[in-house]
C-alpha cells in the first residue's frame, strides 16, 4: 500500500489553484497603500477629497479580508470561480476608488492591471479574458464618468481629452500585454513543474522494479530460518510418531512440503546471487542490447554499430534512469524511422558516447533548438509515429541528471534523418562520489 501511495500521480489541478492566503495578503497590502494615499492627499497635500467615501470602499476590502480569513483556513486553495469572484470584487473596489478620485486622470489608474495579471498567472484563460474585458470596460467608463481629480481649491485641473485618451490606451495596452505575458510564463512554469513531477514518478517506478531482485533475496534469507526450524520439528515428530495411523501421514506430508519450500527458497537465493553481478553491474554492450531489444519487433531494423573503443570496456552500476532514457530515445527513433535505426557506441580515455540515428524525416529547423521542452508534440506534425512530447523531456532530464550531455541534430549523411548524441565524461564515471548518479565506472 505504501508503494502505491508513492507512485500515485499528484493532483496537478489542486496544486495550481490560487491560495486564499496569497490573495488576503495582497489585499492587506493594497488596503494599507490605499489608506496611506488617501490620508496623504487629504491631510498632507490638503486637496479636497471625499475621505469618508474612500474609507468606506477601503473598509469593504478589509471586511472581505476578515470574512475570508475567519471562514477558511490559511492553506485553503480557491476554486477558479471563487478566485475569479474575489478578483472581480477587487477590480470593482479599485474602480470605485478611481471614480471618486478623478477616474483615469488619477496616476494610480494603472493599478487596474493588477487583478488581471493575478488572474492570468493562476486562472483559466476564459476567466482571465472575462475579467480583462470587465476591467477594460470599467476603464472606458472612467474616461467619461468620474468625480474631479483632487487638486488645489480654486484651481481646477482640466486634462485635455487627447491626454486622457492616451492614458486610456496605456491602461488597456498594459492590461492586454502584461496579462498575456504573465499567462504564458505561468503556463510554461506549470508545464515544466508537471513534467518534472512525471519524471520523478517514472524514475521511482524504474527504481522499484530494479529493487525487486534485492527484495526477493532478502525474503528468501529471512524465510530460510523459520522453514529450517519447521523442517527439523517435523522430522522429530515423524520419528516419534513412527507409523501412527492417525497423524503419521500428515507429519510426513508436512515434512516433505517444508523441504519443498526450502528448495524453492534455495533456488531463489541461488538465482539472485548468480544474477546479482549481472543485474547490478552492466557492461556497455549489454546496456546497448537491453535498451534496443524491446523495440526489434515493430518492422524497423535496428543496426548495432560499435565505434572506436580504447581501453577496457566500461562496466557500470545499473541506473534505471539511464536505461529508461536511452530506451525512450530508441523508441522515438523507431517511431519516426522509415526502415532502420542505427545505434552506435564508443569509448576512450575521455568519454563514453552513444549515437541514435534514424532514416526518418529528421527534425524541423523551427523546433530543433526547442527539443526536450515538455509537451513539444510532434516532429513534423503529421507523422503516424508519435511525437516529441513529455516522454522525450523525461528521457532528456534523466540522462542529464546522470551527467550526460545530449545533442539533437539532423544528419548530413545520405538516407539518414535525426541524430541524437549522448556522451558522459570519463571523469564522471571514475568519481566514486557520483556513482549513484552516473551510469558507469571503469571495470
Protein backbone atom coordinates (compact mmCIF):
# COMPACT_ATOMS: atom_id res chain seq x y z
CA UNK A 1 0.00 0.00 0.00
CA UNK A 2 2.87 2.37 0.76
CA UNK A 3 4.34 1.77 -2.69
CA UNK A 4 1.01 2.54 -4.33
CA UNK A 5 0.75 5.81 -2.44
CA UNK A 6 4.26 6.80 -3.51
CA UNK A 7 3.56 6.15 -7.18
CA UNK A 8 0.18 7.81 -7.28
CA UNK A 9 0.10 10.79 -9.62
CA UNK A 10 -0.05 14.16 -7.87
CA UNK A 11 -3.15 16.29 -8.19
CA UNK A 12 -1.79 18.91 -10.55
CA UNK A 13 -5.06 20.84 -10.76
CA UNK A 14 -5.24 21.13 -7.00
CA UNK A 15 -1.64 22.32 -6.76
CA UNK A 16 -2.26 25.00 -9.42
CA UNK A 17 -5.15 26.61 -7.54
CA UNK A 18 -4.56 30.02 -6.03
CA UNK A 19 -4.04 30.03 -2.28
CA UNK A 20 -6.55 32.14 -0.41
CA UNK A 21 -3.85 33.37 1.95
CA UNK A 22 -1.99 34.84 -1.04
CA UNK A 23 -4.97 36.98 -2.05
CA UNK A 24 -5.59 38.02 1.54
CA UNK A 25 -2.02 39.25 1.96
CA UNK A 26 -2.09 41.10 -1.34
CA UNK A 27 -5.36 42.76 -0.37
CA UNK A 28 -3.98 43.83 3.03
CA UNK A 29 -1.06 45.40 1.18
CA UNK A 30 -3.49 47.22 -1.12
CA UNK A 31 -5.60 48.37 1.86
CA UNK A 32 -2.55 49.84 3.58
CA UNK A 33 -1.40 51.55 0.37
CA UNK A 34 -4.85 52.97 -0.36
CA UNK A 35 -5.27 54.24 3.20
CA UNK A 36 -1.88 55.93 3.27
CA UNK A 37 -2.54 57.54 -0.11
CA UNK A 38 -5.96 58.89 0.92
CA UNK A 39 -4.61 60.30 4.19
CA UNK A 40 -1.61 61.90 2.46
CA UNK A 41 -3.71 63.51 -0.29
CA UNK A 42 -6.45 64.74 2.04
CA UNK A 43 -4.39 65.88 5.02
CA UNK A 44 -0.83 66.17 3.70
CA UNK A 45 -1.50 67.91 0.39
CA UNK A 46 -4.85 69.27 1.68
CA UNK A 47 -6.66 68.51 -1.55
CA UNK A 48 -10.46 68.31 -1.40
CA UNK A 49 -11.29 64.61 -1.21
CA UNK A 50 -14.38 62.63 -0.08
CA UNK A 51 -12.41 60.86 2.65
CA UNK A 52 -15.39 59.10 4.23
CA UNK A 53 -16.48 57.62 0.90
CA UNK A 54 -12.93 56.48 0.15
CA UNK A 55 -12.58 54.81 3.52
CA UNK A 56 -15.99 53.19 3.09
CA UNK A 57 -14.71 51.43 -0.04
CA UNK A 58 -11.45 50.54 1.70
CA UNK A 59 -13.43 49.15 4.64
CA UNK A 60 -15.31 46.87 2.24
CA UNK A 61 -11.99 45.27 1.28
CA UNK A 62 -11.00 44.98 4.93
CA UNK A 63 -14.30 43.31 5.85
CA UNK A 64 -13.92 40.91 2.92
CA UNK A 65 -10.44 40.01 4.13
CA UNK A 66 -11.62 39.40 7.69
CA UNK A 67 -14.54 37.29 6.50
CA UNK A 68 -12.34 35.10 4.31
CA UNK A 69 -9.64 34.79 6.98
CA UNK A 70 -12.10 33.58 9.62
CA UNK A 71 -14.21 31.49 7.25
CA UNK A 72 -11.42 29.45 5.62
CA UNK A 73 -8.06 28.07 6.78
CA UNK A 74 -4.91 29.85 5.64
CA UNK A 75 -3.86 26.97 3.38
CA UNK A 76 -7.24 26.82 1.61
CA UNK A 77 -6.97 26.80 -2.17
CA UNK A 78 -9.69 28.55 -4.10
CA UNK A 79 -11.59 27.04 -6.98
CA UNK A 80 -11.18 29.01 -10.23
CA UNK A 81 -14.64 30.55 -9.97
CA UNK A 82 -14.13 31.55 -6.32
CA UNK A 83 -10.81 33.23 -7.13
CA UNK A 84 -12.44 34.89 -10.14
CA UNK A 85 -15.21 36.30 -7.92
CA UNK A 86 -12.69 37.72 -5.46
CA UNK A 87 -10.67 39.34 -8.24
CA UNK A 88 -13.86 40.85 -9.71
CA UNK A 89 -14.59 42.35 -6.30
CA UNK A 90 -11.08 43.83 -6.11
CA UNK A 91 -11.43 45.28 -9.61
CA UNK A 92 -14.77 46.91 -8.82
CA UNK A 93 -13.47 48.27 -5.50
CA UNK A 94 -10.49 49.87 -7.23
CA UNK A 95 -12.73 51.23 -9.99
CA UNK A 96 -14.94 52.79 -7.30
CA UNK A 97 -11.95 54.50 -5.69
CA UNK A 98 -10.81 55.81 -9.06
CA UNK A 99 -14.33 57.07 -9.79
CA UNK A 100 -14.32 59.37 -6.77
CA UNK A 101 -10.71 60.46 -7.26
CA UNK A 102 -10.54 61.58 -10.87
CA UNK A 103 -11.08 58.47 -13.00
CA UNK A 104 -8.32 57.71 -15.47
CA UNK A 105 -6.70 61.06 -14.77
CA UNK A 106 -5.67 59.59 -11.43
CA UNK A 107 -1.99 58.50 -11.59
CA UNK A 108 -2.91 55.24 -9.82
CA UNK A 109 -5.23 54.14 -12.65
CA UNK A 110 -2.51 51.78 -13.90
CA UNK A 111 -3.18 49.58 -10.84
CA UNK A 112 -6.27 48.31 -12.64
CA UNK A 113 -3.97 45.86 -14.40
CA UNK A 114 -3.08 44.05 -11.15
CA UNK A 115 -6.20 41.83 -10.77
CA UNK A 116 -5.95 40.78 -14.43
CA UNK A 117 -2.27 39.85 -14.07
CA UNK A 118 -3.03 37.80 -10.94
CA UNK A 119 -5.81 36.05 -12.83
CA UNK A 120 -3.52 35.35 -15.79
CA UNK A 121 -1.00 33.54 -13.59
CA UNK A 122 -3.47 31.23 -11.87
CA UNK A 123 -6.89 31.07 -13.58
CA UNK A 124 -8.07 29.53 -16.86
CA UNK A 125 -7.76 31.66 -19.96
CA UNK A 126 -11.52 32.01 -20.33
CA UNK A 127 -11.98 33.54 -16.86
CA UNK A 128 -8.96 35.78 -17.36
CA UNK A 129 -10.42 37.04 -20.64
CA UNK A 130 -13.76 37.80 -18.97
CA UNK A 131 -12.03 39.68 -16.15
CA UNK A 132 -9.90 41.59 -18.67
CA UNK A 133 -12.99 42.67 -20.62
CA UNK A 134 -14.66 43.75 -17.37
CA UNK A 135 -11.66 45.84 -16.27
CA UNK A 136 -11.29 47.38 -19.74
CA UNK A 137 -14.99 48.30 -19.72
CA UNK A 138 -14.60 49.91 -16.30
CA UNK A 139 -11.56 51.84 -17.54
CA UNK A 140 -13.56 53.04 -20.53
CA UNK A 141 -16.40 54.27 -18.31
CA UNK A 142 -13.93 56.07 -16.06
CA UNK A 143 -12.85 58.16 -19.04
CA UNK A 144 -16.28 59.82 -19.18
CA UNK A 145 -17.83 59.23 -15.75
CA UNK A 146 -15.87 60.29 -12.67
CA UNK A 147 -15.62 62.96 -9.99
CA UNK A 148 -13.00 65.71 -10.38
CA UNK A 149 -9.37 64.88 -9.69
CA UNK A 150 -8.40 66.20 -6.22
CA UNK A 151 -6.46 69.44 -6.70
CA UNK A 152 -5.87 72.82 -5.10
CA UNK A 153 -9.02 74.84 -4.22
CA UNK A 154 -9.85 77.47 -6.78
CA UNK A 155 -7.55 75.98 -9.42
CA UNK A 156 -9.37 73.07 -11.06
CA UNK A 157 -7.14 70.81 -13.13
CA UNK A 158 -8.59 70.12 -16.55
CA UNK A 159 -6.88 67.36 -18.55
CA UNK A 160 -7.03 67.55 -22.36
CA UNK A 161 -9.15 64.79 -23.81
CA UNK A 162 -6.31 63.60 -26.03
CA UNK A 163 -4.18 63.12 -22.90
CA UNK A 164 -6.96 61.15 -21.17
CA UNK A 165 -7.37 59.07 -24.32
CA UNK A 166 -3.66 58.32 -24.20
CA UNK A 167 -3.97 57.21 -20.57
CA UNK A 168 -6.91 55.01 -21.54
CA UNK A 169 -4.88 53.42 -24.31
CA UNK A 170 -1.93 52.93 -21.93
CA UNK A 171 -4.15 51.18 -19.36
CA UNK A 172 -5.76 48.90 -21.95
CA UNK A 173 -2.40 48.07 -23.52
CA UNK A 174 -0.90 47.30 -20.11
CA UNK A 175 -3.82 45.02 -19.25
CA UNK A 176 -3.54 43.13 -22.54
CA UNK A 177 0.23 42.75 -22.78
CA UNK A 178 1.01 42.11 -19.11
CA UNK A 179 -1.82 39.58 -18.86
CA UNK A 180 -0.66 37.72 -21.98
CA UNK A 181 2.93 37.72 -20.79
CA UNK A 182 2.01 36.54 -17.28
CA UNK A 183 -0.26 33.84 -18.70
CA UNK A 184 2.46 32.44 -20.98
CA UNK A 185 5.11 32.47 -18.26
CA UNK A 186 2.79 30.81 -15.73
CA UNK A 187 1.62 28.21 -18.27
CA UNK A 188 5.19 27.26 -19.14
CA UNK A 189 6.10 27.07 -15.44
CA UNK A 190 3.13 24.77 -14.81
CA UNK A 191 4.05 22.53 -17.74
CA UNK A 192 7.62 22.30 -16.52
CA UNK A 193 6.55 21.52 -12.94
CA UNK A 194 4.13 18.82 -14.13
CA UNK A 195 6.74 17.32 -16.44
CA UNK A 196 9.34 17.20 -13.66
CA UNK A 197 6.82 15.55 -11.35
CA UNK A 198 6.09 12.96 -14.04
CA UNK A 199 9.84 12.43 -14.41
CA UNK A 200 10.16 11.72 -10.70
CA UNK A 201 7.30 9.22 -10.90
CA UNK A 202 8.92 7.39 -13.82
CA UNK A 203 12.25 7.24 -12.02
CA UNK A 204 10.59 5.93 -8.85
CA UNK A 205 8.85 3.17 -10.82
CA UNK A 206 12.09 2.15 -12.51
CA UNK A 207 13.92 2.11 -9.18
CA UNK A 208 11.20 -0.01 -7.59
CA UNK A 209 11.43 -2.51 -10.44
CA UNK A 210 15.22 -2.68 -10.08
CA UNK A 211 14.86 -3.28 -6.35
CA UNK A 212 12.61 -6.33 -6.74
CA UNK A 213 15.56 -8.71 -7.07
CA UNK A 214 17.03 -7.48 -3.81
CA UNK A 215 13.68 -7.81 -2.09
CA UNK A 216 13.36 -11.41 -3.29
CA UNK A 217 16.81 -12.28 -1.94
CA UNK A 218 16.01 -10.64 1.39
CA UNK A 219 12.72 -12.53 1.63
CA UNK A 220 14.47 -15.83 0.88
CA UNK A 221 17.06 -15.13 3.54
CA UNK A 222 14.51 -14.17 6.18
CA UNK A 223 12.25 -17.18 5.49
CA UNK A 224 15.12 -19.66 5.50
CA UNK A 225 15.50 -19.84 9.29
CA UNK A 226 11.83 -20.44 10.24
CA UNK A 227 11.47 -23.05 7.48
CA UNK A 228 14.55 -24.86 8.72
CA UNK A 229 13.02 -24.94 12.22
CA UNK A 230 9.73 -26.26 10.85
CA UNK A 231 11.54 -28.99 8.90
CA UNK A 232 13.53 -30.03 11.99
CA UNK A 233 10.44 -30.20 14.20
CA UNK A 234 8.51 -32.13 11.52
CA UNK A 235 11.35 -34.66 11.24
CA UNK A 236 11.41 -35.17 15.01
CA UNK A 237 7.64 -35.59 15.11
CA UNK A 238 7.79 -38.12 12.25
CA UNK A 239 10.46 -40.08 14.09
CA UNK A 240 8.47 -40.01 17.34
CA UNK A 241 5.13 -40.98 15.81
CA UNK A 242 6.55 -43.65 13.54
CA UNK A 243 3.70 -45.31 11.61
CA UNK A 244 0.95 -43.70 13.64
CA UNK A 245 -2.30 -44.37 11.70
CA UNK A 246 -3.85 -41.02 12.63
CA UNK A 247 -1.07 -38.44 12.29
CA UNK A 248 1.79 -40.28 10.63
CA UNK A 249 0.87 -39.42 7.04
CA UNK A 250 0.11 -35.80 7.94
CA UNK A 251 3.50 -35.31 9.61
CA UNK A 252 5.27 -36.91 6.64
CA UNK A 253 3.40 -34.57 4.29
CA UNK A 254 4.29 -31.56 6.47
CA UNK A 255 7.98 -32.50 6.41
CA UNK A 256 8.02 -33.06 2.64
CA UNK A 257 6.31 -29.73 1.95
CA UNK A 258 8.69 -27.86 4.25
CA UNK A 259 11.60 -29.42 2.37
CA UNK A 260 10.00 -28.33 -0.88
CA UNK A 261 9.72 -24.74 0.38
CA UNK A 262 13.37 -24.82 1.39
CA UNK A 263 14.36 -26.00 -2.08
CA UNK A 264 12.33 -23.20 -3.68
CA UNK A 265 13.98 -20.59 -1.46
CA UNK A 266 17.36 -22.13 -2.13
CA UNK A 267 16.86 -21.81 -5.87
CA UNK A 268 15.58 -18.25 -5.46
CA UNK A 269 18.62 -17.29 -3.41
CA UNK A 270 20.91 -19.06 -5.88
CA UNK A 271 19.39 -17.25 -8.85
CA UNK A 272 19.64 -13.91 -7.06
CA UNK A 273 23.27 -14.42 -6.08
CA UNK A 274 24.22 -15.71 -9.53
CA UNK A 275 22.47 -12.89 -11.30
CA UNK A 276 23.33 -10.18 -8.82
CA UNK A 277 26.51 -9.14 -10.58
CA UNK A 278 24.75 -9.23 -13.95
CA UNK A 279 21.77 -7.23 -12.68
CA UNK A 280 23.61 -4.66 -10.58
CA UNK A 281 26.54 -4.08 -12.95
CA UNK A 282 26.10 -3.71 -16.68
CA UNK A 283 28.77 -3.69 -19.41
CA UNK A 284 28.32 -1.04 -22.05
CA UNK A 285 27.49 -3.59 -24.78
CA UNK A 286 24.91 -5.24 -22.50
CA UNK A 287 23.34 -1.86 -21.91
CA UNK A 288 23.03 -1.34 -25.67
CA UNK A 289 21.33 -4.71 -26.06
CA UNK A 290 18.97 -4.07 -23.14
CA UNK A 291 17.72 -0.71 -24.44
CA UNK A 292 17.31 -1.90 -28.05
CA UNK A 293 15.85 -5.40 -27.57
CA UNK A 294 12.27 -4.29 -26.70
CA UNK A 295 11.98 -2.36 -29.99
CA UNK A 296 13.02 -5.01 -32.52
CA UNK A 297 9.54 -6.35 -33.33
CA UNK A 298 8.00 -3.24 -34.92
CA UNK A 299 9.08 -3.69 -38.53
CA UNK A 300 12.10 -1.40 -38.20
CA UNK A 301 15.63 -2.79 -38.47
CA UNK A 302 17.86 -1.82 -35.54
CA UNK A 303 21.53 -1.93 -36.51
CA UNK A 304 24.18 -2.08 -33.79
CA UNK A 305 27.41 -0.47 -34.93
CA UNK A 306 30.21 -0.28 -32.36
CA UNK A 307 32.61 2.60 -32.89
CA UNK A 308 36.09 3.41 -31.64
CA UNK A 309 36.97 1.57 -28.43
CA UNK A 310 40.10 2.43 -26.46
CA UNK A 311 40.87 0.72 -23.17
CA UNK A 312 38.76 -1.63 -21.11
CA UNK A 313 35.03 -1.73 -21.69
CA UNK A 314 33.15 0.41 -19.15
CA UNK A 315 31.13 -1.70 -16.74
CA UNK A 316 28.81 0.27 -14.53
CA UNK A 317 26.07 0.08 -11.99
CA UNK A 318 22.57 -0.39 -13.32
CA UNK A 319 20.90 3.02 -13.40
CA UNK A 320 17.13 2.81 -14.07
CA UNK A 321 17.01 6.44 -15.17
CA UNK A 322 19.69 5.97 -17.82
CA UNK A 323 18.14 2.72 -19.09
CA UNK A 324 14.73 4.36 -19.35
CA UNK A 325 16.12 7.48 -21.02
CA UNK A 326 18.12 5.61 -23.67
CA UNK A 327 15.21 3.23 -24.29
CA UNK A 328 12.87 6.18 -24.82
CA UNK A 329 15.23 7.74 -27.36
CA UNK A 330 15.49 4.44 -29.24
CA UNK A 331 11.70 4.09 -29.18
CA UNK A 332 11.30 7.61 -30.54
CA UNK A 333 13.75 6.85 -33.36
CA UNK A 334 11.85 3.63 -34.22
CA UNK A 335 8.57 5.60 -34.32
CA UNK A 336 9.89 8.03 -36.91
CA UNK A 337 12.19 5.76 -38.92
CA UNK A 338 11.21 4.60 -42.39
CA UNK A 339 13.24 1.37 -42.46
CA UNK A 340 16.11 1.32 -39.99
CA UNK A 341 17.67 2.80 -36.86
CA UNK A 342 21.40 2.72 -36.17
CA UNK A 343 22.75 2.63 -32.61
CA UNK A 344 26.43 3.42 -32.30
CA UNK A 345 28.57 3.46 -29.19
CA UNK A 346 32.20 4.07 -28.37
CA UNK A 347 34.54 4.81 -25.51
CA UNK A 348 38.02 6.16 -24.98
CA UNK A 349 40.07 7.64 -22.17
CA UNK A 350 37.91 10.79 -22.00
CA UNK A 351 34.31 9.89 -22.86
CA UNK A 352 31.66 7.23 -23.28
CA UNK A 353 29.34 8.01 -26.19
CA UNK A 354 26.07 6.88 -27.77
CA UNK A 355 24.54 7.85 -31.08
CA UNK A 356 21.00 7.02 -32.19
CA UNK A 357 20.33 7.68 -35.88
CA UNK A 358 17.13 7.05 -37.82
CA UNK A 359 16.35 7.33 -41.52
CA UNK A 360 13.19 9.35 -40.94
CA UNK A 361 12.36 12.93 -41.96
CA UNK A 362 14.56 14.50 -39.27
CA UNK A 363 13.85 17.46 -37.01
CA UNK A 364 12.23 20.61 -38.43
CA UNK A 365 14.54 23.61 -38.27
CA UNK A 366 11.97 25.67 -36.38
CA UNK A 367 11.87 23.32 -33.37
CA UNK A 368 15.31 21.74 -33.29
CA UNK A 369 16.52 24.27 -30.71
CA UNK A 370 13.49 23.59 -28.50
CA UNK A 371 13.66 19.80 -28.49
CA UNK A 372 13.39 18.49 -24.97
CA UNK A 373 10.93 21.08 -23.75
CA UNK A 374 7.85 19.47 -22.16
CA UNK A 375 4.83 18.92 -24.40
CA UNK A 376 6.54 19.52 -27.73
CA UNK A 377 4.05 17.32 -29.53
CA UNK A 378 5.43 16.21 -32.90
CA UNK A 379 8.45 16.24 -35.15
CA UNK A 380 6.70 17.33 -38.34
CA UNK A 381 3.10 17.40 -37.17
CA UNK A 382 1.63 14.71 -39.47
CA UNK A 383 3.65 11.54 -38.85
CA UNK A 384 1.91 8.45 -37.59
CA UNK A 385 4.75 7.51 -35.31
CA UNK A 386 4.16 9.54 -32.19
CA UNK A 387 5.81 12.76 -31.11
CA UNK A 388 8.43 14.57 -29.12
CA UNK A 389 6.42 15.30 -26.03
CA UNK A 390 6.65 14.54 -22.35
CA UNK A 391 8.46 11.22 -22.94
CA UNK A 392 11.41 12.93 -24.60
CA UNK A 393 11.52 15.55 -21.87
CA UNK A 394 11.64 12.80 -19.23
CA UNK A 395 14.39 10.95 -21.12
CA UNK A 396 16.46 14.11 -21.54
CA UNK A 397 16.03 15.05 -17.88
CA UNK A 398 17.01 11.61 -16.59
CA UNK A 399 20.07 11.40 -18.83
CA UNK A 400 21.25 14.90 -17.96
CA UNK A 401 20.76 14.08 -14.28
CA UNK A 402 23.20 11.19 -14.75
CA UNK A 403 25.84 13.61 -16.06
CA UNK A 404 25.23 13.14 -19.77
CA UNK A 405 25.28 15.77 -22.50
CA UNK A 406 22.70 15.46 -25.27
CA UNK A 407 22.88 16.88 -28.78
CA UNK A 408 19.90 16.78 -31.17
CA UNK A 409 20.56 17.48 -34.83
CA UNK A 410 19.87 16.33 -38.35
CA UNK A 411 22.31 14.08 -40.14
CA UNK A 412 24.05 15.24 -43.29
CA UNK A 413 24.52 11.65 -44.43
CA UNK A 414 22.51 10.23 -47.31
CA UNK A 415 19.45 8.30 -46.15
CA UNK A 416 19.80 9.37 -42.53
CA UNK A 417 17.43 11.67 -40.63
CA UNK A 418 17.59 12.67 -36.99
CA UNK A 419 20.66 12.12 -34.83
CA UNK A 420 20.82 12.09 -31.04
CA UNK A 421 24.28 12.05 -29.48
CA UNK A 422 24.68 11.22 -25.78
CA UNK A 423 28.05 11.38 -24.04
CA UNK A 424 29.39 11.11 -20.49
CA UNK A 425 32.81 12.41 -19.37
CA UNK A 426 35.10 9.61 -18.22
CA UNK A 427 35.85 11.60 -15.07
CA UNK A 428 32.19 11.28 -14.07
CA UNK A 429 32.44 7.52 -14.38
CA UNK A 430 35.58 7.37 -12.23
CA UNK A 431 34.29 9.65 -9.46
CA UNK A 432 33.01 7.46 -6.60
CA UNK A 433 31.05 10.37 -5.11
CA UNK A 434 28.65 10.40 -8.08
CA UNK A 435 28.33 6.62 -8.51
CA UNK A 436 24.63 6.78 -7.64
CA UNK A 437 24.05 9.49 -10.24
CA UNK A 438 26.31 8.23 -13.05
CA UNK A 439 25.93 5.08 -15.04
CA UNK A 440 29.42 3.69 -15.45
CA UNK A 441 32.78 3.30 -13.82
CA UNK A 442 35.85 1.57 -15.24
CA UNK A 443 35.90 -2.19 -14.84
